[in-house]
PDB file of N, CA and C in Angstrom:
ATOM      1  N   UNK A   1      20.866 103.314  44.038  1.00  0.00           N
ATOM      2  CA  UNK A   1      21.397 103.456  45.285  1.00  0.00           C
ATOM      3  C   UNK A   1      22.728 102.751  45.550  1.00  0.00           C
ATOM      4  N   UNK A   2      23.890 103.156  46.256  1.00  0.00           N
ATOM      5  CA  UNK A   2      24.994 103.154  46.010  1.00  0.00           C
ATOM      6  C   UNK A   2      25.452 101.848  46.979  1.00  0.00           C
ATOM      7  N   UNK A   3      26.595 100.986  46.849  1.00  0.00           N
ATOM      8  CA  UNK A   3      26.956 100.102  47.610  1.00  0.00           C
ATOM      9  C   UNK A   3      28.134 100.551  48.152  1.00  0.00           C
ATOM     10  N   UNK A   4      28.350 100.247  49.726  1.00  0.00           N
ATOM     11  CA  UNK A   4      28.918 100.449  50.518  1.00  0.00           C
ATOM     12  C   UNK A   4      29.679  99.340  51.314  1.00  0.00           C
ATOM     13  N   UNK A   5      31.045  99.544  51.260  1.00  0.00           N
ATOM     14  CA  UNK A   5      31.773  98.351  51.775  1.00  0.00           C
ATOM     15  C   UNK A   5      32.772  98.508  52.846  1.00  0.00           C
ATOM     16  N   UNK A   6      32.550  98.355  54.427  1.00  0.00           N
ATOM     17  CA  UNK A   6      33.746  98.602  55.238  1.00  0.00           C
ATOM     18  C   UNK A   6      34.488  97.725  55.540  1.00  0.00           C
ATOM     19  N   UNK A   7      35.817  98.127  55.539  1.00  0.00           N
ATOM     20  CA  UNK A   7      36.927  97.519  56.116  1.00  0.00           C
ATOM     21  C   UNK A   7      37.779  97.963  57.362  1.00  0.00           C
ATOM     22  N   UNK A   8      38.422  97.218  58.025  1.00  0.00           N
ATOM     23  CA  UNK A   8      39.477  97.897  59.128  1.00  0.00           C
ATOM     24  C   UNK A   8      39.314  97.190  60.066  1.00  0.00           C
ATOM     25  N   UNK A   9      38.008  96.555  60.433  1.00  0.00           N
ATOM     26  CA  UNK A   9      37.824  96.239  61.616  1.00  0.00           C
ATOM     27  C   UNK A   9      38.778  94.853  62.187  1.00  0.00           C
ATOM     28  N   UNK A  10      38.682  94.463  63.551  1.00  0.00           N
ATOM     29  CA  UNK A  10      39.502  93.584  63.914  1.00  0.00           C
ATOM     30  C   UNK A  10      39.400  93.579  65.145  1.00  0.00           C
ATOM     31  N   UNK A  11      40.560  93.015  65.915  1.00  0.00           N
ATOM     32  CA  UNK A  11      40.513  92.780  67.842  1.00  0.00           C
ATOM     33  C   UNK A  11      41.789  93.146  68.035  1.00  0.00           C
ATOM     34  N   UNK A  12      41.644  94.383  69.014  1.00  0.00           N
ATOM     35  CA  UNK A  12      42.747  94.705  69.684  1.00  0.00           C
ATOM     36  C   UNK A  12      42.430  95.037  71.144  1.00  0.00           C
ATOM     37  N   UNK A  13      43.712  95.322  72.081  1.00  0.00           N
ATOM     38  CA  UNK A  13      43.577  95.387  73.291  1.00  0.00           C
ATOM     39  C   UNK A  13      43.157  96.937  73.850  1.00  0.00           C
ATOM     40  N   UNK A  14      42.622  96.824  74.989  1.00  0.00           N
ATOM     41  CA  UNK A  14      42.321  98.478  75.316  1.00  0.00           C
ATOM     42  C   UNK A  14      43.476  99.278  75.381  1.00  0.00           C
ATOM     43  N   UNK A  15      42.713 100.651  74.603  1.00  0.00           N
ATOM     44  CA  UNK A  15      44.190 101.542  74.375  1.00  0.00           C
ATOM     45  C   UNK A  15      44.010 101.510  72.802  1.00  0.00           C
ATOM     46  N   UNK A  16      44.382 100.760  72.301  1.00  0.00           N
ATOM     47  CA  UNK A  16      44.938 100.292  70.957  1.00  0.00           C
ATOM     48  C   UNK A  16      43.764 101.513  70.022  1.00  0.00           C
ATOM     49  N   UNK A  17      44.264 101.153  68.541  1.00  0.00           N
ATOM     50  CA  UNK A  17      43.624 102.064  67.543  1.00  0.00           C
ATOM     51  C   UNK A  17      43.288 100.987  66.206  1.00  0.00           C
ATOM     52  N   UNK A  18      42.393 101.438  65.528  1.00  0.00           N
ATOM     53  CA  UNK A  18      42.069 100.874  64.529  1.00  0.00           C
ATOM     54  C   UNK A  18      41.586 102.049  63.520  1.00  0.00           C
ATOM     55  N   UNK A  19      41.222 101.813  62.062  1.00  0.00           N
ATOM     56  CA  UNK A  19      40.911 102.511  61.504  1.00  0.00           C
ATOM     57  C   UNK A  19      40.032 102.071  60.306  1.00  0.00           C
ATOM     58  N   UNK A  20      39.107 102.200  60.474  1.00  0.00           N
ATOM     59  CA  UNK A  20      37.793 101.853  59.232  1.00  0.00           C
ATOM     60  C   UNK A  20      37.784 102.594  58.259  1.00  0.00           C
ATOM     61  N   UNK A  21      37.662 101.638  57.176  1.00  0.00           N
ATOM     62  CA  UNK A  21      37.286 102.364  55.871  1.00  0.00           C
ATOM     63  C   UNK A  21      35.767 102.057  55.326  1.00  0.00           C
ATOM     64  N   UNK A  22      35.233 103.068  54.324  1.00  0.00           N
ATOM     65  CA  UNK A  22      34.230 102.689  53.942  1.00  0.00           C
ATOM     66  C   UNK A  22      34.246 103.259  52.604  1.00  0.00           C
ATOM     67  N   UNK A  23      34.218 102.455  51.475  1.00  0.00           N
ATOM     68  CA  UNK A  23      34.256 102.231  49.986  1.00  0.00           C
ATOM     69  C   UNK A  23      33.151 102.464  49.340  1.00  0.00           C
ATOM     70  N   UNK A  24      32.347 103.596  48.407  1.00  0.00           N
ATOM     71  CA  UNK A  24      31.285 103.462  47.930  1.00  0.00           C
ATOM     72  C   UNK A  24      31.316 103.339  46.778  1.00  0.00           C
ATOM     73  N   UNK A  25      30.225 102.971  45.694  1.00  0.00           N
ATOM     74  CA  UNK A  25      30.703 102.715  44.561  1.00  0.00           C
ATOM     75  C   UNK A  25      29.631 103.718  43.679  1.00  0.00           C
ATOM     76  N   UNK A  26      29.525 104.075  42.694  1.00  0.00           N
ATOM     77  CA  UNK A  26      28.857 104.888  42.334  1.00  0.00           C
ATOM     78  C   UNK A  26      29.631 106.591  42.110  1.00  0.00           C
ATOM     79  N   UNK A  27      28.762 107.745  41.782  1.00  0.00           N
ATOM     80  CA  UNK A  27      29.606 109.019  41.539  1.00  0.00           C
ATOM     81  C   UNK A  27      28.892 109.854  42.319  1.00  0.00           C
ATOM     82  N   UNK A  28      28.160 109.461  43.201  1.00  0.00           N
ATOM     83  CA  UNK A  28      27.349 110.765  43.774  1.00  0.00           C
ATOM     84  C   UNK A  28      28.055 110.736  45.784  1.00  0.00           C
ATOM     85  N   UNK A  29      29.006 110.344  45.899  1.00  0.00           N
ATOM     86  CA  UNK A  29      29.422 110.122  47.569  1.00  0.00           C
ATOM     87  C   UNK A  29      29.798 111.653  47.920  1.00  0.00           C
ATOM     88  N   UNK A  30      30.153 112.165  46.633  1.00  0.00           N
ATOM     89  CA  UNK A  30      30.653 113.359  47.024  1.00  0.00           C
ATOM     90  C   UNK A  30      29.452 114.832  47.712  1.00  0.00           C
ATOM     91  N   UNK A  31      27.807 114.036  47.142  1.00  0.00           N
ATOM     92  CA  UNK A  31      27.250 115.193  47.123  1.00  0.00           C
ATOM     93  C   UNK A  31      26.145 114.864  48.720  1.00  0.00           C
ATOM     94  N   UNK A  32      26.802 114.111  49.108  1.00  0.00           N
ATOM     95  CA  UNK A  32      25.960 113.681  50.548  1.00  0.00           C
ATOM     96  C   UNK A  32      26.889 113.841  52.061  1.00  0.00           C
ATOM     97  N   UNK A  33      26.291 113.818  52.807  1.00  0.00           N
ATOM     98  CA  UNK A  33      26.893 113.690  54.229  1.00  0.00           C
ATOM     99  C   UNK A  33      26.871 112.131  54.724  1.00  0.00           C
ATOM    100  N   UNK A  34      28.008 111.802  55.528  1.00  0.00           N
ATOM    101  CA  UNK A  34      28.248 110.531  55.676  1.00  0.00           C
ATOM    102  C   UNK A  34      27.846 110.032  57.083  1.00  0.00           C
ATOM    103  N   UNK A  35      27.999 108.928  57.515  1.00  0.00           N
ATOM    104  CA  UNK A  35      28.256 108.773  59.118  1.00  0.00           C
ATOM    105  C   UNK A  35      28.447 107.573  59.374  1.00  0.00           C
ATOM    106  N   UNK A  36      29.068 107.177  60.772  1.00  0.00           N
ATOM    107  CA  UNK A  36      29.102 105.834  61.254  1.00  0.00           C
ATOM    108  C   UNK A  36      28.211 105.917  62.049  1.00  0.00           C
ATOM    109  N   UNK A  37      28.005 104.650  62.577  1.00  0.00           N
ATOM    110  CA  UNK A  37      26.772 103.641  63.175  1.00  0.00           C
ATOM    111  C   UNK A  37      27.506 102.814  63.831  1.00  0.00           C
ATOM    112  N   UNK A  38      27.501 102.161  65.055  1.00  0.00           N
ATOM    113  CA  UNK A  38      27.287 101.094  65.591  1.00  0.00           C
ATOM    114  C   UNK A  38      26.297 100.157  66.191  1.00  0.00           C
ATOM    115  N   UNK A  39      26.545  98.790  66.379  1.00  0.00           N
ATOM    116  CA  UNK A  39      25.624  98.179  67.249  1.00  0.00           C
ATOM    117  C   UNK A  39      26.241  97.132  68.212  1.00  0.00           C
ATOM    118  N   UNK A  40      26.236  97.269  69.224  1.00  0.00           N
ATOM    119  CA  UNK A  40      26.616  96.099  69.939  1.00  0.00           C
ATOM    120  C   UNK A  40      25.404  94.856  70.122  1.00  0.00           C
ATOM    121  N   UNK A  41      26.188  94.044  70.581  1.00  0.00           N
ATOM    122  CA  UNK A  41      25.160  92.651  71.100  1.00  0.00           C
ATOM    123  C   UNK A  41      24.318  93.184  72.236  1.00  0.00           C
ATOM    124  N   UNK A  42      22.956  93.119  71.615  1.00  0.00           N
ATOM    125  CA  UNK A  42      21.754  93.161  72.611  1.00  0.00           C
ATOM    126  C   UNK A  42      21.334  94.421  72.530  1.00  0.00           C
ATOM    127  N   UNK A  43      21.900  95.321  71.948  1.00  0.00           N
ATOM    128  CA  UNK A  43      21.821  96.885  71.817  1.00  0.00           C
ATOM    129  C   UNK A  43      20.982  97.365  70.322  1.00  0.00           C
ATOM    130  N   UNK A  44      20.376  98.684  70.612  1.00  0.00           N
ATOM    131  CA  UNK A  44      20.239  98.892  69.201  1.00  0.00           C
ATOM    132  C   UNK A  44      21.179  99.956  68.311  1.00  0.00           C
ATOM    133  N   UNK A  45      20.893  99.661  67.466  1.00  0.00           N
ATOM    134  CA  UNK A  45      22.288 100.559  66.428  1.00  0.00           C
ATOM    135  C   UNK A  45      22.127 102.281  67.111  1.00  0.00           C
ATOM    136  N   UNK A  46      23.562 102.702  66.988  1.00  0.00           N
ATOM    137  CA  UNK A  46      23.634 104.039  67.530  1.00  0.00           C
ATOM    138  C   UNK A  46      24.774 105.090  66.793  1.00  0.00           C
ATOM    139  N   UNK A  47      24.203 106.144  66.816  1.00  0.00           N
ATOM    140  CA  UNK A  47      25.287 107.095  66.108  1.00  0.00           C
ATOM    141  C   UNK A  47      26.524 107.418  66.836  1.00  0.00           C
ATOM    142  N   UNK A  48      27.810 107.235  65.838  1.00  0.00           N
ATOM    143  CA  UNK A  48      29.066 107.143  66.486  1.00  0.00           C
ATOM    144  C   UNK A  48      29.761 108.772  65.870  1.00  0.00           C
ATOM    145  N   UNK A  49      29.786 109.030  64.595  1.00  0.00           N
ATOM    146  CA  UNK A  49      29.864 110.532  64.006  1.00  0.00           C
ATOM    147  C   UNK A  49      29.655 110.628  62.378  1.00  0.00           C
ATOM    148  N   UNK A  50      29.386 111.882  62.097  1.00  0.00           N
ATOM    149  CA  UNK A  50      28.818 112.109  60.987  1.00  0.00           C
ATOM    150  C   UNK A  50      29.993 113.498  60.266  1.00  0.00           C
ATOM    151  N   UNK A  51      30.053 113.411  58.735  1.00  0.00           N
ATOM    152  CA  UNK A  51      30.656 114.366  58.329  1.00  0.00           C
ATOM    153  C   UNK A  51      30.175 115.153  57.555  1.00  0.00           C
ATOM    154  N   UNK A  52      29.907 116.370  57.207  1.00  0.00           N
ATOM    155  CA  UNK A  52      29.014 117.070  56.089  1.00  0.00           C
ATOM    156  C   UNK A  52      29.595 116.752  54.979  1.00  0.00           C
ATOM    157  N   UNK A  53      28.677 116.953  53.767  1.00  0.00           N
ATOM    158  CA  UNK A  53      28.981 116.636  52.160  1.00  0.00           C
ATOM    159  C   UNK A  53      30.319 117.323  52.040  1.00  0.00           C
ATOM    160  N   UNK A  54      30.453 118.977  52.371  1.00  0.00           N
ATOM    161  CA  UNK A  54      31.542 119.709  52.054  1.00  0.00           C
ATOM    162  C   UNK A  54      32.991 119.295  53.280  1.00  0.00           C
ATOM    163  N   UNK A  55      32.675 118.135  53.970  1.00  0.00           N
ATOM    164  CA  UNK A  55      33.918 117.883  54.844  1.00  0.00           C
ATOM    165  C   UNK A  55      34.121 118.977  55.527  1.00  0.00           C
ATOM    166  N   UNK A  56      33.335 120.161  55.894  1.00  0.00           N
ATOM    167  CA  UNK A  56      33.756 121.016  56.689  1.00  0.00           C
ATOM    168  C   UNK A  56      33.142 121.101  58.337  1.00  0.00           C
ATOM    169  N   UNK A  57      32.014 120.220  58.581  1.00  0.00           N
ATOM    170  CA  UNK A  57      31.231 120.040  59.768  1.00  0.00           C
ATOM    171  C   UNK A  57      31.283 118.596  60.116  1.00  0.00           C
ATOM    172  N   UNK A  58      31.703 118.364  61.265  1.00  0.00           N
ATOM    173  CA  UNK A  58      31.557 117.150  61.661  1.00  0.00           C
ATOM    174  C   UNK A  58      30.571 116.840  63.175  1.00  0.00           C
ATOM    175  N   UNK A  59      30.355 115.722  63.555  1.00  0.00           N
ATOM    176  CA  UNK A  59      29.641 115.899  64.449  1.00  0.00           C
ATOM    177  C   UNK A  59      30.044 114.413  65.503  1.00  0.00           C
ATOM    178  N   UNK A  60      30.061 114.230  66.888  1.00  0.00           N
ATOM    179  CA  UNK A  60      30.509 113.321  67.229  1.00  0.00           C
ATOM    180  C   UNK A  60      29.416 112.463  68.441  1.00  0.00           C
ATOM    181  N   UNK A  61      29.159 111.191  68.588  1.00  0.00           N
ATOM    182  CA  UNK A  61      28.846 111.217  69.716  1.00  0.00           C
ATOM    183  C   UNK A  61      29.157 111.395  71.123  1.00  0.00           C
ATOM    184  N   UNK A  62      28.456 111.720  72.384  1.00  0.00           N
ATOM    185  CA  UNK A  62      29.396 112.017  73.432  1.00  0.00           C
ATOM    186  C   UNK A  62      30.708 110.982  73.641  1.00  0.00           C
ATOM    187  N   UNK A  63      29.924 109.555  73.590  1.00  0.00           N
ATOM    188  CA  UNK A  63      31.299 109.009  74.750  1.00  0.00           C
ATOM    189  C   UNK A  63      32.592 108.426  73.501  1.00  0.00           C
ATOM    190  N   UNK A  64      32.629 108.954  72.251  1.00  0.00           N
ATOM    191  CA  UNK A  64      33.778 108.902  71.314  1.00  0.00           C
ATOM    192  C   UNK A  64      34.112 110.188  71.140  1.00  0.00           C
ATOM    193  N   UNK A  65      33.930 111.247  71.312  1.00  0.00           N
ATOM    194  CA  UNK A  65      34.559 112.752  71.294  1.00  0.00           C
ATOM    195  C   UNK A  65      36.031 112.768  71.916  1.00  0.00           C
ATOM    196  N   UNK A  66      36.853 113.044  71.191  1.00  0.00           N
ATOM    197  CA  UNK A  66      38.221 113.091  71.810  1.00  0.00           C
ATOM    198  C   UNK A  66      39.089 111.753  71.306  1.00  0.00           C
ATOM    199  N   UNK A  67      38.124 110.882  70.750  1.00  0.00           N
ATOM    200  CA  UNK A  67      39.151 109.503  70.700  1.00  0.00           C
ATOM    201  C   UNK A  67      39.118 109.204  69.268  1.00  0.00           C
ATOM    202  N   UNK A  68      37.930 109.400  68.320  1.00  0.00           N
ATOM    203  CA  UNK A  68      37.657 108.747  66.967  1.00  0.00           C
ATOM    204  C   UNK A  68      37.789 110.271  66.360  1.00  0.00           C
ATOM    205  N   UNK A  69      37.783 109.981  65.018  1.00  0.00           N
ATOM    206  CA  UNK A  69      38.160 110.998  63.947  1.00  0.00           C
ATOM    207  C   UNK A  69      37.336 110.434  62.533  1.00  0.00           C
ATOM    208  N   UNK A  70      36.510 111.219  62.262  1.00  0.00           N
ATOM    209  CA  UNK A  70      36.093 111.070  60.918  1.00  0.00           C
ATOM    210  C   UNK A  70      36.500 111.795  59.807  1.00  0.00           C
ATOM    211  N   UNK A  71      36.648 111.350  58.344  1.00  0.00           N
ATOM    212  CA  UNK A  71      37.151 111.919  57.703  1.00  0.00           C
ATOM    213  C   UNK A  71      36.645 111.062  56.004  1.00  0.00           C
ATOM    214  N   UNK A  72      37.156 112.179  55.359  1.00  0.00           N
ATOM    215  CA  UNK A  72      36.300 111.452  53.871  1.00  0.00           C
ATOM    216  C   UNK A  72      37.449 111.888  52.820  1.00  0.00           C
ATOM    217  N   UNK A  73      37.441 110.964  51.595  1.00  0.00           N
ATOM    218  CA  UNK A  73      38.364 111.475  50.490  1.00  0.00           C
ATOM    219  C   UNK A  73      36.954 110.816  49.260  1.00  0.00           C
ATOM    220  N   UNK A  74      36.823 112.426  48.907  1.00  0.00           N
ATOM    221  CA  UNK A  74      35.727 112.324  47.867  1.00  0.00           C
ATOM    222  C   UNK A  74      36.201 111.767  46.568  1.00  0.00           C
ATOM    223  N   UNK A  75      37.790 111.951  46.157  1.00  0.00           N
ATOM    224  CA  UNK A  75      38.410 111.636  44.842  1.00  0.00           C
ATOM    225  C   UNK A  75      38.120 109.818  44.782  1.00  0.00           C
ATOM    226  N   UNK A  76      38.464 109.554  45.933  1.00  0.00           N
ATOM    227  CA  UNK A  76      38.341 108.075  46.518  1.00  0.00           C
ATOM    228  C   UNK A  76      37.014 107.458  46.667  1.00  0.00           C
ATOM    229  N   UNK A  77      36.289 108.086  46.616  1.00  0.00           N
ATOM    230  CA  UNK A  77      34.669 107.712  47.398  1.00  0.00           C
ATOM    231  C   UNK A  77      34.314 106.765  48.852  1.00  0.00           C
ATOM    232  N   UNK A  78      35.279 107.370  49.400  1.00  0.00           N
ATOM    233  CA  UNK A  78      36.040 106.610  50.907  1.00  0.00           C
ATOM    234  C   UNK A  78      35.656 107.375  52.290  1.00  0.00           C
ATOM    235  N   UNK A  79      35.000 107.007  53.158  1.00  0.00           N
ATOM    236  CA  UNK A  79      35.139 107.594  54.300  1.00  0.00           C
ATOM    237  C   UNK A  79      35.778 106.760  55.502  1.00  0.00           C
ATOM    238  N   UNK A  80      36.133 107.163  56.333  1.00  0.00           N
ATOM    239  CA  UNK A  80      37.305 107.060  57.421  1.00  0.00           C
ATOM    240  C   UNK A  80      36.766 106.869  58.751  1.00  0.00           C
ATOM    241  N   UNK A  81      37.084 106.096  59.782  1.00  0.00           N
ATOM    242  CA  UNK A  81      36.755 106.448  61.306  1.00  0.00           C
ATOM    243  C   UNK A  81      38.240 105.992  61.729  1.00  0.00           C
ATOM    244  N   UNK A  82      39.035 106.800  62.149  1.00  0.00           N
ATOM    245  CA  UNK A  82      40.244 106.825  63.140  1.00  0.00           C
ATOM    246  C   UNK A  82      39.805 106.748  64.389  1.00  0.00           C
ATOM    247  N   UNK A  83      39.787 105.707  65.218  1.00  0.00           N
ATOM    248  CA  UNK A  83      39.522 105.376  66.620  1.00  0.00           C
ATOM    249  C   UNK A  83      40.947 104.927  67.230  1.00  0.00           C
ATOM    250  N   UNK A  84      41.343 105.595  68.006  1.00  0.00           N
ATOM    251  CA  UNK A  84      42.123 105.903  68.992  1.00  0.00           C
ATOM    252  C   UNK A  84      41.552 105.553  70.563  1.00  0.00           C
ATOM    253  N   UNK A  85      42.749 104.936  71.424  1.00  0.00           N
ATOM    254  CA  UNK A  85      42.289 104.921  72.744  1.00  0.00           C
ATOM    255  C   UNK A  85      41.160 103.849  72.803  1.00  0.00           C
ATOM    256  N   UNK A  86      40.973 103.036  72.450  1.00  0.00           N
ATOM    257  CA  UNK A  86      39.913 101.897  72.142  1.00  0.00           C
ATOM    258  C   UNK A  86      39.503 101.611  73.683  1.00  0.00           C
ATOM    259  N   UNK A  87      37.917 101.326  73.937  1.00  0.00           N
ATOM    260  CA  UNK A  87      38.000 100.798  75.036  1.00  0.00           C
ATOM    261  C   UNK A  87      36.901  99.294  75.095  1.00  0.00           C
ATOM    262  N   UNK A  88      37.017  98.606  75.846  1.00  0.00           N
ATOM    263  CA  UNK A  88      36.138  97.475  75.703  1.00  0.00           C
ATOM    264  C   UNK A  88      34.623  97.744  75.165  1.00  0.00           C
ATOM    265  N   UNK A  89      34.098  99.026  75.632  1.00  0.00           N
ATOM    266  CA  UNK A  89      32.583  99.070  75.526  1.00  0.00           C
ATOM    267  C   UNK A  89      32.450 100.112  73.846  1.00  0.00           C
ATOM    268  N   UNK A  90      33.878  99.889  73.233  1.00  0.00           N
ATOM    269  CA  UNK A  90      33.624 100.093  72.084  1.00  0.00           C
ATOM    270  C   UNK A  90      33.261  99.073  71.032  1.00  0.00           C
ATOM    271  N   UNK A  91      33.553  98.056  71.258  1.00  0.00           N
ATOM    272  CA  UNK A  91      33.071  96.849  71.060  1.00  0.00           C
ATOM    273  C   UNK A  91      31.721  96.419  70.146  1.00  0.00           C
ATOM    274  N   UNK A  92      31.692  96.257  69.010  1.00  0.00           N
ATOM    275  CA  UNK A  92      30.451  96.390  68.111  1.00  0.00           C
ATOM    276  C   UNK A  92      30.664  96.270  66.575  1.00  0.00           C
ATOM    277  N   UNK A  93      29.559  96.260  65.877  1.00  0.00           N
ATOM    278  CA  UNK A  93      29.745  95.753  64.581  1.00  0.00           C
ATOM    279  C   UNK A  93      29.528  97.624  63.989  1.00  0.00           C
ATOM    280  N   UNK A  94      30.298  97.919  63.374  1.00  0.00           N
ATOM    281  CA  UNK A  94      30.262  99.670  63.130  1.00  0.00           C
ATOM    282  C   UNK A  94      29.751  99.295  61.504  1.00  0.00           C
ATOM    283  N   UNK A  95      29.297 100.535  61.255  1.00  0.00           N
ATOM    284  CA  UNK A  95      28.187 100.666  60.133  1.00  0.00           C
ATOM    285  C   UNK A  95      28.632 101.674  59.353  1.00  0.00           C
ATOM    286  N   UNK A  96      28.962 101.844  58.221  1.00  0.00           N
ATOM    287  CA  UNK A  96      28.898 103.248  57.731  1.00  0.00           C
ATOM    288  C   UNK A  96      27.135 103.709  56.668  1.00  0.00           C
ATOM    289  N   UNK A  97      27.103 104.671  56.635  1.00  0.00           N
ATOM    290  CA  UNK A  97      25.663 105.534  56.473  1.00  0.00           C
ATOM    291  C   UNK A  97      25.623 106.372  55.474  1.00  0.00           C
ATOM    292  N   UNK A  98      25.291 106.606  54.362  1.00  0.00           N
ATOM    293  CA  UNK A  98      25.297 107.563  53.061  1.00  0.00           C
ATOM    294  C   UNK A  98      23.672 108.270  53.020  1.00  0.00           C
ATOM    295  N   UNK A  99      23.934 109.665  53.527  1.00  0.00           N
ATOM    296  CA  UNK A  99      22.484 109.955  53.612  1.00  0.00           C
ATOM    297  C   UNK A  99      21.763 110.377  52.472  1.00  0.00           C
ATOM    298  N   UNK A 100      22.281 109.636  51.372  1.00  0.00           N
ATOM    299  CA  UNK A 100      21.468 109.911  50.033  1.00  0.00           C
ATOM    300  C   UNK A 100      19.728 108.942  50.330  1.00  0.00           C
ATOM    301  N   UNK A 101      19.789 108.186  51.164  1.00  0.00           N
ATOM    302  CA  UNK A 101      18.968 107.075  51.201  1.00  0.00           C
ATOM    303  C   UNK A 101      18.999 106.205  52.268  1.00  0.00           C
ATOM    304  N   UNK A 102      17.887 106.404  52.994  1.00  0.00           N
ATOM    305  CA  UNK A 102      17.466 105.303  54.442  1.00  0.00           C
ATOM    306  C   UNK A 102      18.136 103.830  54.183  1.00  0.00           C
ATOM    307  N   UNK A 103      18.364 103.687  52.730  1.00  0.00           N
ATOM    308  CA  UNK A 103      19.001 102.097  52.550  1.00  0.00           C
ATOM    309  C   UNK A 103      19.926 102.049  52.216  1.00  0.00           C
ATOM    310  N   UNK A 104      21.019 103.007  52.374  1.00  0.00           N
ATOM    311  CA  UNK A 104      22.515 103.495  52.194  1.00  0.00           C
ATOM    312  C   UNK A 104      23.263 102.521  53.112  1.00  0.00           C
ATOM    313  N   UNK A 105      23.292 101.460  53.267  1.00  0.00           N
ATOM    314  CA  UNK A 105      24.239 100.829  54.848  1.00  0.00           C
ATOM    315  C   UNK A 105      24.901 100.030  54.195  1.00  0.00           C
ATOM    316  N   UNK A 106      26.345  99.971  54.763  1.00  0.00           N
ATOM    317  CA  UNK A 106      27.477  99.052  54.607  1.00  0.00           C
ATOM    318  C   UNK A 106      26.673  97.818  55.156  1.00  0.00           C
ATOM    319  N   UNK A 107      27.631  96.607  55.175  1.00  0.00           N
ATOM    320  CA  UNK A 107      27.392  95.285  55.585  1.00  0.00           C
ATOM    321  C   UNK A 107      28.130  95.566  57.093  1.00  0.00           C
ATOM    322  N   UNK A 108      28.678  95.863  57.450  1.00  0.00           N
ATOM    323  CA  UNK A 108      29.156  96.028  58.596  1.00  0.00           C
ATOM    324  C   UNK A 108      30.771  95.484  58.846  1.00  0.00           C
ATOM    325  N   UNK A 109      31.584  96.004  59.801  1.00  0.00           N
ATOM    326  CA  UNK A 109      32.729  95.304  60.144  1.00  0.00           C
ATOM    327  C   UNK A 109      33.117  95.346  61.867  1.00  0.00           C
ATOM    328  N   UNK A 110      33.357  94.459  62.264  1.00  0.00           N
ATOM    329  CA  UNK A 110      33.208  94.095  63.531  1.00  0.00           C
ATOM    330  C   UNK A 110      34.785  94.615  64.186  1.00  0.00           C
ATOM    331  N   UNK A 111      34.158  95.140  65.259  1.00  0.00           N
ATOM    332  CA  UNK A 111      35.338  95.624  65.945  1.00  0.00           C
ATOM    333  C   UNK A 111      35.381  95.445  67.353  1.00  0.00           C
ATOM    334  N   UNK A 112      36.638  94.346  67.645  1.00  0.00           N
ATOM    335  CA  UNK A 112      36.198  93.966  69.192  1.00  0.00           C
ATOM    336  C   UNK A 112      37.567  94.524  70.154  1.00  0.00           C
ATOM    337  N   UNK A 113      37.118  95.080  71.362  1.00  0.00           N
ATOM    338  CA  UNK A 113      37.857  95.787  72.286  1.00  0.00           C
ATOM    339  C   UNK A 113      38.381  94.571  73.458  1.00  0.00           C
ATOM    340  N   UNK A 114      39.177  94.224  73.793  1.00  0.00           N
ATOM    341  CA  UNK A 114      39.654  93.168  74.870  1.00  0.00           C
ATOM    342  C   UNK A 114      40.627  94.049  75.792  1.00  0.00           C
ATOM    343  N   UNK A 115      39.959  93.414  77.199  1.00  0.00           N
ATOM    344  CA  UNK A 115      40.746  94.347  78.405  1.00  0.00           C
ATOM    345  C   UNK A 115      41.653  93.454  78.794  1.00  0.00           C
TER     346      UNK A 115
END
């Protein structure tokens, strides 16, 4: 089981940008698709974006299409989420996930967007 550590969260105003990072330990990172999920207070965890193991395919949830970009650097075993034009409804804890195991989740990083 790999260890995933997110960073880059913070507080921004509406329209601002943040870049989240998720660093993975171990050597199997490049073999798997990875994704970002988020969980707002009182709500279930929801899918945000995914990138295939070969980085040739991406998928985004409708609310973030055109504003968020997922990417990966397999040489660094790191995935990213560039978030632009942030809205208050993007406020949540953001988690990274590696599809090698249902247990491979990071600890989460808080993103707060104020109006």
